[in-house]
Amino acid sequence: MLINIIITLIVVGVLLWLVNTYLPMDGKIKSILNIVIVIAVVIWLLRSLGVLGGLG
């Protein structure tokens, strides 16, 4: 389980880096995209660790 979480975090980080580096977008759009992805990853991480399991 821990290996899957680490691999997923690495993949998401690399994809976010690729989007920020190679896709030409406005700076505001990139920052909004980064915030949305980080919030989604944090929520996913909390659910996978069982912290938010009772809320949903």
C-alpha atoms as a PDB file:
ATOM      1  CA  MET A   1       0.000   0.000   0.000  1.00  0.00           C
ATOM      2  CA  LEU A   2       2.786   2.430   0.868  1.00  0.00           C
ATOM      3  CA  ILE A   3       4.627   1.642  -2.367  1.00  0.00           C
ATOM      4  CA  ASN A   4       1.464   2.383  -4.383  1.00  0.00           C
ATOM      5  CA  ILE A   5       1.052   5.738  -2.652  1.00  0.00           C
ATOM      6  CA  ILE A   6       4.673   6.689  -3.288  1.00  0.00           C
ATOM      7  CA  ILE A   7       4.518   5.635  -6.938  1.00  0.00           C
ATOM      8  CA  THR A   8       1.282   7.579  -7.449  1.00  0.00           C
ATOM      9  CA  LEU A   9       2.745  10.701  -5.846  1.00  0.00           C
ATOM     10  CA  ILE A  10       5.835  10.438  -8.057  1.00  0.00           C
ATOM     11  CA  VAL A  11       3.728   9.992 -11.203  1.00  0.00           C
ATOM     12  CA  VAL A  12       1.481  12.941 -10.319  1.00  0.00           C
ATOM     13  CA  GLY A  13       4.523  15.082  -9.555  1.00  0.00           C
ATOM     14  CA  VAL A  14       6.192  14.233 -12.855  1.00  0.00           C
ATOM     15  CA  LEU A  15       2.986  14.878 -14.804  1.00  0.00           C
ATOM     16  CA  LEU A  16       2.503  18.218 -13.062  1.00  0.00           C
ATOM     17  CA  TRP A  17       6.103  19.150 -13.831  1.00  0.00           C
ATOM     18  CA  LEU A  18       5.647  18.181 -17.490  1.00  0.00           C
ATOM     19  CA  VAL A  19       2.483  20.260 -17.777  1.00  0.00           C
ATOM     20  CA  ASN A  20       4.162  23.256 -16.139  1.00  0.00           C
ATOM     21  CA  THR A  21       7.280  22.951 -18.273  1.00  0.00           C
ATOM     22  CA  TYR A  22       6.062  22.040 -21.737  1.00  0.00           C
ATOM     23  CA  LEU A  23       2.501  23.312 -22.128  1.00  0.00           C
ATOM     24  CA  PRO A  24       2.258  26.986 -23.022  1.00  0.00           C
ATOM     25  CA  MET A  25      -0.410  28.457 -20.757  1.00  0.00           C
ATOM     26  CA  ASP A  26      -1.026  31.694 -18.961  1.00  0.00           C
ATOM     27  CA  GLY A  27       0.545  31.893 -15.507  1.00  0.00           C
ATOM     28  CA  LYS A  28      -2.815  32.296 -13.772  1.00  0.00           C
ATOM     29  CA  ILE A  29      -4.214  29.183 -15.427  1.00  0.00           C
ATOM     30  CA  LYS A  30      -1.122  27.187 -14.455  1.00  0.00           C
ATOM     31  CA  SER A  31      -1.366  28.298 -10.840  1.00  0.00           C
ATOM     32  CA  ILE A  32      -5.081  27.425 -10.673  1.00  0.00           C
ATOM     33  CA  LEU A  33      -4.354  24.035 -12.237  1.00  0.00           C
ATOM     34  CA  ASN A  34      -1.548  23.418  -9.745  1.00  0.00           C
ATOM     35  CA  ILE A  35      -3.792  24.312  -6.785  1.00  0.00           C
ATOM     36  CA  VAL A  36      -6.609  22.061  -8.010  1.00  0.00           C
ATOM     37  CA  ILE A  37      -4.262  19.115  -8.574  1.00  0.00           C
ATOM     38  CA  VAL A  38      -2.556  19.547  -5.201  1.00  0.00           C
ATOM     39  CA  ILE A  39      -5.921  19.720  -3.389  1.00  0.00           C
ATOM     40  CA  ALA A  40      -7.139  16.619  -5.245  1.00  0.00           C
ATOM     41  CA  VAL A  41      -3.953  14.711  -4.381  1.00  0.00           C
ATOM     42  CA  VAL A  42      -4.158  15.723  -0.714  1.00  0.00           C
ATOM     43  CA  ILE A  43      -7.800  14.594  -0.520  1.00  0.00           C
ATOM     44  CA  TRP A  44      -6.921  11.319  -2.257  1.00  0.00           C
ATOM     45  CA  LEU A  45      -3.986  10.790   0.095  1.00  0.00           C
ATOM     46  CA  LEU A  46      -6.116  11.429   3.195  1.00  0.00           C
ATOM     47  CA  ARG A  47      -8.776   9.023   1.951  1.00  0.00           C
ATOM     48  CA  SER A  48      -6.253   6.332   1.113  1.00  0.00           C
ATOM     49  CA  LEU A  49      -4.752   6.639   4.599  1.00  0.00           C
ATOM     50  CA  GLY A  50      -8.201   6.381   6.170  1.00  0.00           C
ATOM     51  CA  VAL A  51      -8.397   9.887   7.610  1.00  0.00           C
ATOM     52  CA  LEU A  52     -11.375  10.945   5.481  1.00  0.00           C
ATOM     53  CA  GLY A  53     -13.014   7.543   5.274  1.00  0.00           C
ATOM     54  CA  GLY A  54     -15.928   8.422   7.545  1.00  0.00           C
ATOM     55  CA  LEU A  55     -16.863  11.640   5.766  1.00  0.00           C
ATOM     56  CA  GLY A  56     -17.867  10.237   2.416  1.00  0.00           C
END
